[in-house]
């Protein structure tokens, strides 16, 4: 989502009550909201990076935690170049890879599934 999106705010009694968003945006945000509701919290900065700036969750989490690609890749038992390709969206990670990355960053697997 690189294009600016204008959301419609519905006001009730002079206060914002609802915000209408495009379906594509909702479909991206909904899984994150469900994770938060399930107690698998995701910090606001990670959500914003992922939803508003199209940053893949692995990269958003890594940067939020202040970790380098080298450190995460080493902890996950993979090459830094593979992590870089994954973060650029060039390759889709398998569940086992996501599990290793989650463990390397001290996260639950569901926190990396977007």
PDB file of N, CA and C in Angstrom:
ATOM      1  N   UNK A   1       0.839  -1.158   0.000  1.00  0.00           N
ATOM      2  CA  UNK A   1       0.000   0.000   0.000  1.00  0.00           C
ATOM      3  C   UNK A   1       0.893   1.232   0.000  1.00  0.00           C
ATOM      4  N   UNK A   2       1.285   1.655  -1.151  1.00  0.00           N
ATOM      5  CA  UNK A   2       2.154   2.809  -1.267  1.00  0.00           C
ATOM      6  C   UNK A   2       1.377   4.092  -1.499  1.00  0.00           C
ATOM      7  N   UNK A   3       0.161   3.988  -2.021  1.00  0.00           N
ATOM      8  CA  UNK A   3      -0.641   5.168  -2.304  1.00  0.00           C
ATOM      9  C   UNK A   3      -1.318   5.663  -1.034  1.00  0.00           C
ATOM     10  N   UNK A   4      -1.471   6.967  -0.957  1.00  0.00           N
ATOM     11  CA  UNK A   4      -2.175   7.563   0.176  1.00  0.00           C
ATOM     12  C   UNK A   4      -3.639   7.154   0.097  1.00  0.00           C
ATOM     13  N   UNK A   5      -4.184   6.789   1.233  1.00  0.00           N
ATOM     14  CA  UNK A   5      -5.582   6.399   1.302  1.00  0.00           C
ATOM     15  C   UNK A   5      -6.304   7.381   2.213  1.00  0.00           C
ATOM     16  N   UNK A   6      -7.421   7.903   1.744  1.00  0.00           N
ATOM     17  CA  UNK A   6      -8.236   8.778   2.583  1.00  0.00           C
ATOM     18  C   UNK A   6      -9.324   7.940   3.225  1.00  0.00           C
ATOM     19  N   UNK A   7      -9.357   7.962   4.541  1.00  0.00           N
ATOM     20  CA  UNK A   7     -10.364   7.231   5.284  1.00  0.00           C
ATOM     21  C   UNK A   7     -11.513   8.178   5.590  1.00  0.00           C
ATOM     22  N   UNK A   8     -12.701   7.640   5.649  1.00  0.00           N
ATOM     23  CA  UNK A   8     -13.876   8.444   5.966  1.00  0.00           C
ATOM     24  C   UNK A   8     -14.203   8.284   7.442  1.00  0.00           C
ATOM     25  N   UNK A   9     -14.313   9.399   8.146  1.00  0.00           N
ATOM     26  CA  UNK A   9     -14.653   9.386   9.560  1.00  0.00           C
ATOM     27  C   UNK A   9     -16.127   9.740   9.713  1.00  0.00           C
ATOM     28  N   UNK A  10     -16.822   8.928  10.487  1.00  0.00           N
ATOM     29  CA  UNK A  10     -18.236   9.183  10.782  1.00  0.00           C
ATOM     30  C   UNK A  10     -18.311   9.776  12.178  1.00  0.00           C
ATOM     31  N   UNK A  11     -18.939  10.931  12.250  1.00  0.00           N
ATOM     32  CA  UNK A  11     -19.035  11.663  13.512  1.00  0.00           C
ATOM     33  C   UNK A  11     -20.433  11.474  14.103  1.00  0.00           C
ATOM     34  N   UNK A  12     -20.464  11.236  15.408  1.00  0.00           N
ATOM     35  CA  UNK A  12     -21.735  11.095  16.136  1.00  0.00           C
ATOM     36  C   UNK A  12     -21.664  11.982  17.368  1.00  0.00           C
ATOM     37  N   UNK A  13     -22.635  12.853  17.527  1.00  0.00           N
ATOM     38  CA  UNK A  13     -22.656  13.795  18.651  1.00  0.00           C
ATOM     39  C   UNK A  13     -21.374  14.626  18.720  1.00  0.00           C
ATOM     40  N   UNK A  14     -20.883  15.006  17.559  1.00  0.00           N
ATOM     41  CA  UNK A  14     -19.705  15.874  17.504  1.00  0.00           C
ATOM     42  C   UNK A  14     -18.379  15.182  17.745  1.00  0.00           C
ATOM     43  N   UNK A  15     -18.370  13.872  17.904  1.00  0.00           N
ATOM     44  CA  UNK A  15     -17.143  13.113  18.172  1.00  0.00           C
ATOM     45  C   UNK A  15     -16.947  12.043  17.107  1.00  0.00           C
ATOM     46  N   UNK A  16     -15.715  11.759  16.720  1.00  0.00           N
ATOM     47  CA  UNK A  16     -15.481  10.656  15.784  1.00  0.00           C
ATOM     48  C   UNK A  16     -15.980   9.350  16.398  1.00  0.00           C
ATOM     49  N   UNK A  17     -16.786   8.608  15.649  1.00  0.00           N
ATOM     50  CA  UNK A  17     -17.358   7.366  16.159  1.00  0.00           C
ATOM     51  C   UNK A  17     -16.871   6.148  15.377  1.00  0.00           C
ATOM     52  N   UNK A  18     -16.682   6.294  14.071  1.00  0.00           N
ATOM     53  CA  UNK A  18     -16.271   5.191  13.210  1.00  0.00           C
ATOM     54  C   UNK A  18     -15.348   5.721  12.124  1.00  0.00           C
ATOM     55  N   UNK A  19     -14.527   4.820  11.600  1.00  0.00           N
ATOM     56  CA  UNK A  19     -13.696   5.155  10.453  1.00  0.00           C
ATOM     57  C   UNK A  19     -13.910   4.080   9.403  1.00  0.00           C
ATOM     58  N   UNK A  20     -14.256   4.504   8.202  1.00  0.00           N
ATOM     59  CA  UNK A  20     -14.423   3.577   7.087  1.00  0.00           C
ATOM     60  C   UNK A  20     -13.084   3.454   6.370  1.00  0.00           C
ATOM     61  N   UNK A  21     -12.689   2.225   6.116  1.00  0.00           N
ATOM     62  CA  UNK A  21     -11.424   1.969   5.433  1.00  0.00           C
ATOM     63  C   UNK A  21     -11.678   1.082   4.220  1.00  0.00           C
ATOM     64  N   UNK A  22     -10.834   1.169   3.205  1.00  0.00           N
ATOM     65  CA  UNK A  22     -10.983   0.275   2.057  1.00  0.00           C
ATOM     66  C   UNK A  22     -10.845  -1.186   2.497  1.00  0.00           C
ATOM     67  N   UNK A  23     -11.551  -2.075   1.813  1.00  0.00           N
ATOM     68  CA  UNK A  23     -11.554  -3.495   2.155  1.00  0.00           C
ATOM     69  C   UNK A  23     -10.134  -4.058   2.170  1.00  0.00           C
ATOM     70  N   UNK A  24      -9.311  -3.682   1.209  1.00  0.00           N
ATOM     71  CA  UNK A  24      -7.935  -4.202   1.154  1.00  0.00           C
ATOM     72  C   UNK A  24      -7.167  -3.842   2.425  1.00  0.00           C
ATOM     73  N   UNK A  25      -7.366  -2.626   2.920  1.00  0.00           N
ATOM     74  CA  UNK A  25      -6.692  -2.218   4.158  1.00  0.00           C
ATOM     75  C   UNK A  25      -7.219  -3.018   5.342  1.00  0.00           C
ATOM     76  N   UNK A  26      -8.533  -3.201   5.407  1.00  0.00           N
ATOM     77  CA  UNK A  26      -9.144  -3.977   6.490  1.00  0.00           C
ATOM     78  C   UNK A  26      -8.607  -5.401   6.503  1.00  0.00           C
ATOM     79  N   UNK A  27      -8.497  -6.008   5.330  1.00  0.00           N
ATOM     80  CA  UNK A  27      -8.013  -7.385   5.249  1.00  0.00           C
ATOM     81  C   UNK A  27      -6.571  -7.500   5.735  1.00  0.00           C
ATOM     82  N   UNK A  28      -5.792  -6.453   5.596  1.00  0.00           N
ATOM     83  CA  UNK A  28      -4.411  -6.460   6.098  1.00  0.00           C
ATOM     84  C   UNK A  28      -4.364  -6.240   7.602  1.00  0.00           C
ATOM     85  N   UNK A  29      -5.264  -5.425   8.123  1.00  0.00           N
ATOM     86  CA  UNK A  29      -5.247  -5.071   9.542  1.00  0.00           C
ATOM     87  C   UNK A  29      -5.935  -6.120  10.408  1.00  0.00           C
ATOM     88  N   UNK A  30      -6.974  -6.734   9.895  1.00  0.00           N
ATOM     89  CA  UNK A  30      -7.790  -7.647  10.704  1.00  0.00           C
ATOM     90  C   UNK A  30      -6.984  -8.757  11.381  1.00  0.00           C
ATOM     91  N   UNK A  31      -6.093  -9.474  10.659  1.00  0.00           N
ATOM     92  CA  UNK A  31      -5.334 -10.523  11.357  1.00  0.00           C
ATOM     93  C   UNK A  31      -4.495  -9.983  12.520  1.00  0.00           C
ATOM     94  N   UNK A  32      -3.977  -8.771  12.357  1.00  0.00           N
ATOM     95  CA  UNK A  32      -3.187  -8.179  13.438  1.00  0.00           C
ATOM     96  C   UNK A  32      -4.070  -7.871  14.649  1.00  0.00           C
ATOM     97  N   UNK A  33      -5.256  -7.363  14.398  1.00  0.00           N
ATOM     98  CA  UNK A  33      -6.184  -7.087  15.494  1.00  0.00           C
ATOM     99  C   UNK A  33      -6.601  -8.364  16.204  1.00  0.00           C
ATOM    100  N   UNK A  34      -6.808  -9.429  15.437  1.00  0.00           N
ATOM    101  CA  UNK A  34      -7.170 -10.712  16.046  1.00  0.00           C
ATOM    102  C   UNK A  34      -6.038 -11.245  16.914  1.00  0.00           C
ATOM    103  N   UNK A  35      -4.797 -11.039  16.489  1.00  0.00           N
ATOM    104  CA  UNK A  35      -3.657 -11.478  17.296  1.00  0.00           C
ATOM    105  C   UNK A  35      -3.596 -10.702  18.606  1.00  0.00           C
ATOM    106  N   UNK A  36      -3.825  -9.403  18.524  1.00  0.00           N
ATOM    107  CA  UNK A  36      -3.808  -8.586  19.743  1.00  0.00           C
ATOM    108  C   UNK A  36      -4.922  -9.034  20.682  1.00  0.00           C
ATOM    109  N   UNK A  37      -6.114  -9.279  20.142  1.00  0.00           N
ATOM    110  CA  UNK A  37      -7.235  -9.725  20.961  1.00  0.00           C
ATOM    111  C   UNK A  37      -6.955 -11.074  21.619  1.00  0.00           C
ATOM    112  N   UNK A  38      -6.146 -11.901  20.948  1.00  0.00           N
ATOM    113  CA  UNK A  38      -5.811 -13.220  21.487  1.00  0.00           C
ATOM    114  C   UNK A  38      -4.673 -13.142  22.505  1.00  0.00           C
ATOM    115  N   UNK A  39      -4.133 -11.957  22.721  1.00  0.00           N
ATOM    116  CA  UNK A  39      -3.063 -11.800  23.696  1.00  0.00           C
ATOM    117  C   UNK A  39      -1.673 -11.937  23.115  1.00  0.00           C
ATOM    118  N   UNK A  40      -1.573 -12.025  21.804  1.00  0.00           N
ATOM    119  CA  UNK A  40      -0.274 -12.122  21.144  1.00  0.00           C
ATOM    120  C   UNK A  40       0.185 -10.730  20.730  1.00  0.00           C
ATOM    121  N   UNK A  41       0.118  -9.779  21.628  1.00  0.00           N
ATOM    122  CA  UNK A  41       0.328  -8.371  21.349  1.00  0.00           C
ATOM    123  C   UNK A  41       1.385  -8.033  20.318  1.00  0.00           C
ATOM    124  N   UNK A  42       1.051  -7.034  19.530  1.00  0.00           N
ATOM    125  CA  UNK A  42       1.984  -6.493  18.546  1.00  0.00           C
ATOM    126  C   UNK A  42       2.058  -5.000  18.797  1.00  0.00           C
ATOM    127  N   UNK A  43       3.247  -4.471  19.029  1.00  0.00           N
ATOM    128  CA  UNK A  43       3.379  -3.037  19.306  1.00  0.00           C
ATOM    129  C   UNK A  43       2.859  -2.175  18.153  1.00  0.00           C
ATOM    130  N   UNK A  44       2.361  -1.013  18.509  1.00  0.00           N
ATOM    131  CA  UNK A  44       1.823  -0.079  17.525  1.00  0.00           C
ATOM    132  C   UNK A  44       2.836   0.228  16.423  1.00  0.00           C
ATOM    133  N   UNK A  45       4.096   0.397  16.788  1.00  0.00           N
ATOM    134  CA  UNK A  45       5.120   0.723  15.782  1.00  0.00           C
ATOM    135  C   UNK A  45       5.253  -0.384  14.741  1.00  0.00           C
ATOM    136  N   UNK A  46       5.128  -1.635  15.166  1.00  0.00           N
ATOM    137  CA  UNK A  46       5.219  -2.768  14.238  1.00  0.00           C
ATOM    138  C   UNK A  46       3.999  -2.782  13.321  1.00  0.00           C
ATOM    139  N   UNK A  47       2.828  -2.565  13.891  1.00  0.00           N
ATOM    140  CA  UNK A  47       1.598  -2.536  13.091  1.00  0.00           C
ATOM    141  C   UNK A  47       1.670  -1.410  12.064  1.00  0.00           C
ATOM    142  N   UNK A  48       2.072  -0.223  12.494  1.00  0.00           N
ATOM    143  CA  UNK A  48       2.149   0.906  11.570  1.00  0.00           C
ATOM    144  C   UNK A  48       3.139   0.648  10.443  1.00  0.00           C
ATOM    145  N   UNK A  49       4.299   0.118  10.775  1.00  0.00           N
ATOM    146  CA  UNK A  49       5.296  -0.163   9.738  1.00  0.00           C
ATOM    147  C   UNK A  49       4.734  -1.147   8.715  1.00  0.00           C
ATOM    148  N   UNK A  50       4.071  -2.184   9.222  1.00  0.00           N
ATOM    149  CA  UNK A  50       3.535  -3.228   8.337  1.00  0.00           C
ATOM    150  C   UNK A  50       2.347  -2.724   7.519  1.00  0.00           C
ATOM    151  N   UNK A  51       1.396  -2.100   8.172  1.00  0.00           N
ATOM    152  CA  UNK A  51       0.147  -1.716   7.503  1.00  0.00           C
ATOM    153  C   UNK A  51       0.296  -0.435   6.692  1.00  0.00           C
ATOM    154  N   UNK A  52       0.911   0.563   7.270  1.00  0.00           N
ATOM    155  CA  UNK A  52       0.976   1.859   6.591  1.00  0.00           C
ATOM    156  C   UNK A  52       2.141   1.986   5.616  1.00  0.00           C
ATOM    157  N   UNK A  53       3.202   1.229   5.857  1.00  0.00           N
ATOM    158  CA  UNK A  53       4.406   1.399   5.035  1.00  0.00           C
ATOM    159  C   UNK A  53       4.830   0.135   4.291  1.00  0.00           C
ATOM    160  N   UNK A  54       3.968  -0.881   4.300  1.00  0.00           N
ATOM    161  CA  UNK A  54       4.234  -2.132   3.575  1.00  0.00           C
ATOM    162  C   UNK A  54       5.530  -2.823   3.987  1.00  0.00           C
ATOM    163  N   UNK A  55       5.937  -2.668   5.217  1.00  0.00           N
ATOM    164  CA  UNK A  55       7.135  -3.339   5.718  1.00  0.00           C
ATOM    165  C   UNK A  55       6.727  -4.748   6.147  1.00  0.00           C
ATOM    166  N   UNK A  56       7.381  -5.782   5.618  1.00  0.00           N
ATOM    167  CA  UNK A  56       7.052  -7.149   6.046  1.00  0.00           C
ATOM    168  C   UNK A  56       7.196  -7.288   7.568  1.00  0.00           C
ATOM    169  N   UNK A  57       6.352  -8.128   8.173  1.00  0.00           N
ATOM    170  CA  UNK A  57       6.361  -8.266   9.632  1.00  0.00           C
ATOM    171  C   UNK A  57       7.720  -8.668  10.189  1.00  0.00           C
ATOM    172  N   UNK A  58       8.420  -9.545   9.503  1.00  0.00           N
ATOM    173  CA  UNK A  58       9.731  -9.970  10.014  1.00  0.00           C
ATOM    174  C   UNK A  58      10.653  -8.759  10.150  1.00  0.00           C
ATOM    175  N   UNK A  59      10.696  -7.942   9.124  1.00  0.00           N
ATOM    176  CA  UNK A  59      11.555  -6.753   9.174  1.00  0.00           C
ATOM    177  C   UNK A  59      11.046  -5.749  10.205  1.00  0.00           C
ATOM    178  N   UNK A  60       9.723  -5.527  10.247  1.00  0.00           N
ATOM    179  CA  UNK A  60       9.163  -4.569  11.199  1.00  0.00           C
ATOM    180  C   UNK A  60       9.520  -4.958  12.630  1.00  0.00           C
ATOM    181  N   UNK A  61       9.367  -6.246  12.950  1.00  0.00           N
ATOM    182  CA  UNK A  61       9.722  -6.728  14.286  1.00  0.00           C
ATOM    183  C   UNK A  61      11.225  -6.582  14.536  1.00  0.00           C
ATOM    184  N   UNK A  62      12.024  -6.998  13.558  1.00  0.00           N
ATOM    185  CA  UNK A  62      13.478  -6.943  13.739  1.00  0.00           C
ATOM    186  C   UNK A  62      13.926  -5.523  14.038  1.00  0.00           C
ATOM    187  N   UNK A  63      13.432  -4.580  13.249  1.00  0.00           N
ATOM    188  CA  UNK A  63      13.825  -3.190  13.448  1.00  0.00           C
ATOM    189  C   UNK A  63      13.285  -2.648  14.774  1.00  0.00           C
ATOM    190  N   UNK A  64      12.067  -3.022  15.123  1.00  0.00           N
ATOM    191  CA  UNK A  64      11.482  -2.584  16.392  1.00  0.00           C
ATOM    192  C   UNK A  64      12.316  -3.076  17.578  1.00  0.00           C
ATOM    193  N   UNK A  65      12.823  -4.288  17.456  1.00  0.00           N
ATOM    194  CA  UNK A  65      13.629  -4.865  18.534  1.00  0.00           C
ATOM    195  C   UNK A  65      15.083  -4.397  18.504  1.00  0.00           C
ATOM    196  N   UNK A  66      15.443  -3.631  17.490  1.00  0.00           N
ATOM    197  CA  UNK A  66      16.806  -3.105  17.396  1.00  0.00           C
ATOM    198  C   UNK A  66      17.838  -4.161  17.033  1.00  0.00           C
ATOM    199  N   UNK A  67      17.416  -5.174  16.285  1.00  0.00           N
ATOM    200  CA  UNK A  67      18.315  -6.262  15.901  1.00  0.00           C
ATOM    201  C   UNK A  67      18.788  -6.086  14.456  1.00  0.00           C
ATOM    202  N   UNK A  68      19.980  -6.560  14.189  1.00  0.00           N
ATOM    203  CA  UNK A  68      20.490  -6.524  12.825  1.00  0.00           C
ATOM    204  C   UNK A  68      20.084  -7.796  12.088  1.00  0.00           C
ATOM    205  N   UNK A  69      20.144  -7.731  10.771  1.00  0.00           N
ATOM    206  CA  UNK A  69      19.882  -8.934   9.981  1.00  0.00           C
ATOM    207  C   UNK A  69      20.898 -10.012  10.334  1.00  0.00           C
ATOM    208  N   UNK A  70      22.140  -9.629  10.509  1.00  0.00           N
ATOM    209  CA  UNK A  70      23.186 -10.608  10.843  1.00  0.00           C
ATOM    210  C   UNK A  70      22.852 -11.346  12.137  1.00  0.00           C
ATOM    211  N   UNK A  71      22.441 -10.591  13.163  1.00  0.00           N
ATOM    212  CA  UNK A  71      22.152 -11.204  14.461  1.00  0.00           C
ATOM    213  C   UNK A  71      20.964 -12.157  14.374  1.00  0.00           C
ATOM    214  N   UNK A  72      19.890 -11.721  13.725  1.00  0.00           N
ATOM    215  CA  UNK A  72      18.701 -12.570  13.621  1.00  0.00           C
ATOM    216  C   UNK A  72      18.994 -13.798  12.777  1.00  0.00           C
ATOM    217  N   UNK A  73      19.681 -13.604  11.668  1.00  0.00           N
ATOM    218  CA  UNK A  73      20.008 -14.738  10.795  1.00  0.00           C
ATOM    219  C   UNK A  73      20.869 -15.758  11.531  1.00  0.00           C
ATOM    220  N   UNK A  74      21.850 -15.285  12.264  1.00  0.00           N
ATOM    221  CA  UNK A  74      22.717 -16.213  13.013  1.00  0.00           C
ATOM    222  C   UNK A  74      21.911 -16.995  14.048  1.00  0.00           C
ATOM    223  N   UNK A  75      21.074 -16.299  14.801  1.00  0.00           N
ATOM    224  CA  UNK A  75      20.250 -16.957  15.822  1.00  0.00           C
ATOM    225  C   UNK A  75      19.269 -17.959  15.206  1.00  0.00           C
ATOM    226  N   UNK A  76      18.802 -17.641  13.978  1.00  0.00           N
ATOM    227  CA  UNK A  76      17.823 -18.505  13.310  1.00  0.00           C
ATOM    228  C   UNK A  76      18.482 -19.601  12.485  1.00  0.00           C
ATOM    229  N   UNK A  77      19.809 -19.583  12.412  1.00  0.00           N
ATOM    230  CA  UNK A  77      20.514 -20.616  11.656  1.00  0.00           C
ATOM    231  C   UNK A  77      20.340 -20.486  10.154  1.00  0.00           C
ATOM    232  N   UNK A  78      20.356 -19.257   9.674  1.00  0.00           N
ATOM    233  CA  UNK A  78      20.203 -19.047   8.234  1.00  0.00           C
ATOM    234  C   UNK A  78      21.200 -17.993   7.771  1.00  0.00           C
ATOM    235  N   UNK A  79      21.326 -17.857   6.481  1.00  0.00           N
ATOM    236  CA  UNK A  79      22.219 -16.859   5.908  1.00  0.00           C
ATOM    237  C   UNK A  79      21.574 -15.480   5.985  1.00  0.00           C
ATOM    238  N   UNK A  80      22.390 -14.465   6.210  1.00  0.00           N
ATOM    239  CA  UNK A  80      21.879 -13.095   6.235  1.00  0.00           C
ATOM    240  C   UNK A  80      21.254 -12.740   4.895  1.00  0.00           C
ATOM    241  N   UNK A  81      21.847 -13.208   3.803  1.00  0.00           N
ATOM    242  CA  UNK A  81      21.308 -12.899   2.474  1.00  0.00           C
ATOM    243  C   UNK A  81      19.911 -13.491   2.280  1.00  0.00           C
ATOM    244  N   UNK A  82      19.654 -14.644   2.874  1.00  0.00           N
ATOM    245  CA  UNK A  82      18.320 -15.245   2.791  1.00  0.00           C
ATOM    246  C   UNK A  82      17.301 -14.417   3.573  1.00  0.00           C
ATOM    247  N   UNK A  83      17.707 -13.939   4.740  1.00  0.00           N
ATOM    248  CA  UNK A  83      16.833 -13.082   5.529  1.00  0.00           C
ATOM    249  C   UNK A  83      16.543 -11.785   4.776  1.00  0.00           C
ATOM    250  N   UNK A  84      17.551 -11.231   4.140  1.00  0.00           N
ATOM    251  CA  UNK A  84      17.357  -9.997   3.370  1.00  0.00           C
ATOM    252  C   UNK A  84      16.364 -10.220   2.231  1.00  0.00           C
ATOM    253  N   UNK A  85      16.492 -11.328   1.539  1.00  0.00           N
ATOM    254  CA  UNK A  85      15.559 -11.644   0.443  1.00  0.00           C
ATOM    255  C   UNK A  85      14.143 -11.833   0.979  1.00  0.00           C
ATOM    256  N   UNK A  86      14.024 -12.480   2.118  1.00  0.00           N
ATOM    257  CA  UNK A  86      12.719 -12.687   2.743  1.00  0.00           C
ATOM    258  C   UNK A  86      12.101 -11.338   3.115  1.00  0.00           C
ATOM    259  N   UNK A  87      12.905 -10.457   3.697  1.00  0.00           N
ATOM    260  CA  UNK A  87      12.411  -9.143   4.107  1.00  0.00           C
ATOM    261  C   UNK A  87      12.024  -8.277   2.909  1.00  0.00           C
ATOM    262  N   UNK A  88      12.621  -8.502   1.759  1.00  0.00           N
ATOM    263  CA  UNK A  88      12.268  -7.756   0.544  1.00  0.00           C
ATOM    264  C   UNK A  88      11.077  -8.379  -0.173  1.00  0.00           C
ATOM    265  N   UNK A  89      10.602  -9.507   0.328  1.00  0.00           N
ATOM    266  CA  UNK A  89       9.469 -10.175  -0.291  1.00  0.00           C
ATOM    267  C   UNK A  89       9.824 -11.004  -1.504  1.00  0.00           C
ATOM    268  N   UNK A  90      11.105 -11.272  -1.703  1.00  0.00           N
ATOM    269  CA  UNK A  90      11.546 -12.059  -2.852  1.00  0.00           C
ATOM    270  C   UNK A  90      11.293 -13.545  -2.669  1.00  0.00           C
ATOM    271  N   UNK A  91      11.243 -13.973  -1.416  1.00  0.00           N
ATOM    272  CA  UNK A  91      10.943 -15.370  -1.123  1.00  0.00           C
ATOM    273  C   UNK A  91       9.886 -15.411  -0.024  1.00  0.00           C
ATOM    274  N   UNK A  92       9.041 -16.435  -0.073  1.00  0.00           N
ATOM    275  CA  UNK A  92       8.015 -16.610   0.953  1.00  0.00           C
ATOM    276  C   UNK A  92       8.527 -17.658   1.941  1.00  0.00           C
ATOM    277  N   UNK A  93       8.566 -17.306   3.223  1.00  0.00           N
ATOM    278  CA  UNK A  93       9.118 -18.244   4.204  1.00  0.00           C
ATOM    279  C   UNK A  93       8.173 -19.403   4.496  1.00  0.00           C
ATOM    280  N   UNK A  94       8.774 -20.567   4.725  1.00  0.00           N
ATOM    281  CA  UNK A  94       7.999 -21.722   5.186  1.00  0.00           C
ATOM    282  C   UNK A  94       7.695 -21.536   6.670  1.00  0.00           C
ATOM    283  N   UNK A  95       6.755 -22.288   7.162  1.00  0.00           N
ATOM    284  CA  UNK A  95       6.374 -22.190   8.574  1.00  0.00           C
ATOM    285  C   UNK A  95       7.572 -22.481   9.473  1.00  0.00           C
ATOM    286  N   UNK A  96       8.381 -23.462   9.105  1.00  0.00           N
ATOM    287  CA  UNK A  96       9.555 -23.804   9.924  1.00  0.00           C
ATOM    288  C   UNK A  96      10.531 -22.630   9.985  1.00  0.00           C
ATOM    289  N   UNK A  97      10.691 -21.933   8.882  1.00  0.00           N
ATOM    290  CA  UNK A  97      11.585 -20.768   8.858  1.00  0.00           C
ATOM    291  C   UNK A  97      11.019 -19.662   9.735  1.00  0.00           C
ATOM    292  N   UNK A  98       9.725 -19.399   9.619  1.00  0.00           N
ATOM    293  CA  UNK A  98       9.095 -18.384  10.469  1.00  0.00           C
ATOM    294  C   UNK A  98       9.238 -18.741  11.945  1.00  0.00           C
ATOM    295  N   UNK A  99       9.101 -20.012  12.269  1.00  0.00           N
ATOM    296  CA  UNK A  99       9.247 -20.449  13.663  1.00  0.00           C
ATOM    297  C   UNK A  99      10.658 -20.173  14.172  1.00  0.00           C
ATOM    298  N   UNK A 100      11.656 -20.448  13.343  1.00  0.00           N
ATOM    299  CA  UNK A 100      13.054 -20.174  13.741  1.00  0.00           C
ATOM    300  C   UNK A 100      13.286 -18.676  13.902  1.00  0.00           C
ATOM    301  N   UNK A 101      12.716 -17.881  12.996  1.00  0.00           N
ATOM    302  CA  UNK A 101      12.870 -16.426  13.094  1.00  0.00           C
ATOM    303  C   UNK A 101      12.163 -15.888  14.338  1.00  0.00           C
ATOM    304  N   UNK A 102      10.976 -16.415  14.613  1.00  0.00           N
ATOM    305  CA  UNK A 102      10.245 -15.988  15.817  1.00  0.00           C
ATOM    306  C   UNK A 102      11.074 -16.292  17.065  1.00  0.00           C
ATOM    307  N   UNK A 103      11.599 -17.501  17.152  1.00  0.00           N
ATOM    308  CA  UNK A 103      12.420 -17.881  18.304  1.00  0.00           C
ATOM    309  C   UNK A 103      13.666 -16.999  18.401  1.00  0.00           C
ATOM    310  N   UNK A 104      14.256 -16.681  17.263  1.00  0.00           N
ATOM    311  CA  UNK A 104      15.462 -15.853  17.247  1.00  0.00           C
ATOM    312  C   UNK A 104      15.198 -14.450  17.782  1.00  0.00           C
ATOM    313  N   UNK A 105      13.950 -13.988  17.649  1.00  0.00           N
ATOM    314  CA  UNK A 105      13.608 -12.644  18.120  1.00  0.00           C
ATOM    315  C   UNK A 105      12.809 -12.670  19.418  1.00  0.00           C
ATOM    316  N   UNK A 106      12.596 -13.873  19.990  1.00  0.00           N
ATOM    317  CA  UNK A 106      11.856 -13.983  21.232  1.00  0.00           C
ATOM    318  C   UNK A 106      10.365 -13.739  21.070  1.00  0.00           C
ATOM    319  N   UNK A 107       9.821 -14.125  19.911  1.00  0.00           N
ATOM    320  CA  UNK A 107       8.414 -13.911  19.603  1.00  0.00           C
ATOM    321  C   UNK A 107       7.684 -15.234  19.467  1.00  0.00           C
ATOM    322  N   UNK A 108       6.372 -15.160  19.473  1.00  0.00           N
ATOM    323  CA  UNK A 108       5.558 -16.314  19.140  1.00  0.00           C
ATOM    324  C   UNK A 108       5.383 -16.375  17.636  1.00  0.00           C
ATOM    325  N   UNK A 109       5.212 -17.562  17.118  1.00  0.00           N
ATOM    326  CA  UNK A 109       5.053 -17.744  15.673  1.00  0.00           C
ATOM    327  C   UNK A 109       3.919 -16.883  15.120  1.00  0.00           C
ATOM    328  N   UNK A 110       2.809 -16.804  15.823  1.00  0.00           N
ATOM    329  CA  UNK A 110       1.653 -16.042  15.336  1.00  0.00           C
ATOM    330  C   UNK A 110       1.949 -14.555  15.194  1.00  0.00           C
ATOM    331  N   UNK A 111       2.930 -14.073  15.925  1.00  0.00           N
ATOM    332  CA  UNK A 111       3.274 -12.658  15.817  1.00  0.00           C
ATOM    333  C   UNK A 111       3.976 -12.338  14.497  1.00  0.00           C
ATOM    334  N   UNK A 112       4.456 -13.350  13.800  1.00  0.00           N
ATOM    335  CA  UNK A 112       5.102 -13.136  12.504  1.00  0.00           C
ATOM    336  C   UNK A 112       4.201 -13.483  11.330  1.00  0.00           C
ATOM    337  N   UNK A 113       3.033 -14.006  11.625  1.00  0.00           N
ATOM    338  CA  UNK A 113       2.096 -14.327  10.537  1.00  0.00           C
ATOM    339  C   UNK A 113       1.155 -13.147  10.362  1.00  0.00           C
ATOM    340  N   UNK A 114       1.192 -12.560   9.188  1.00  0.00           N
ATOM    341  CA  UNK A 114       0.375 -11.372   8.986  1.00  0.00           C
ATOM    342  C   UNK A 114      -0.756 -11.517   8.100  1.00  0.00           C
TER     343      UNK A 114
END
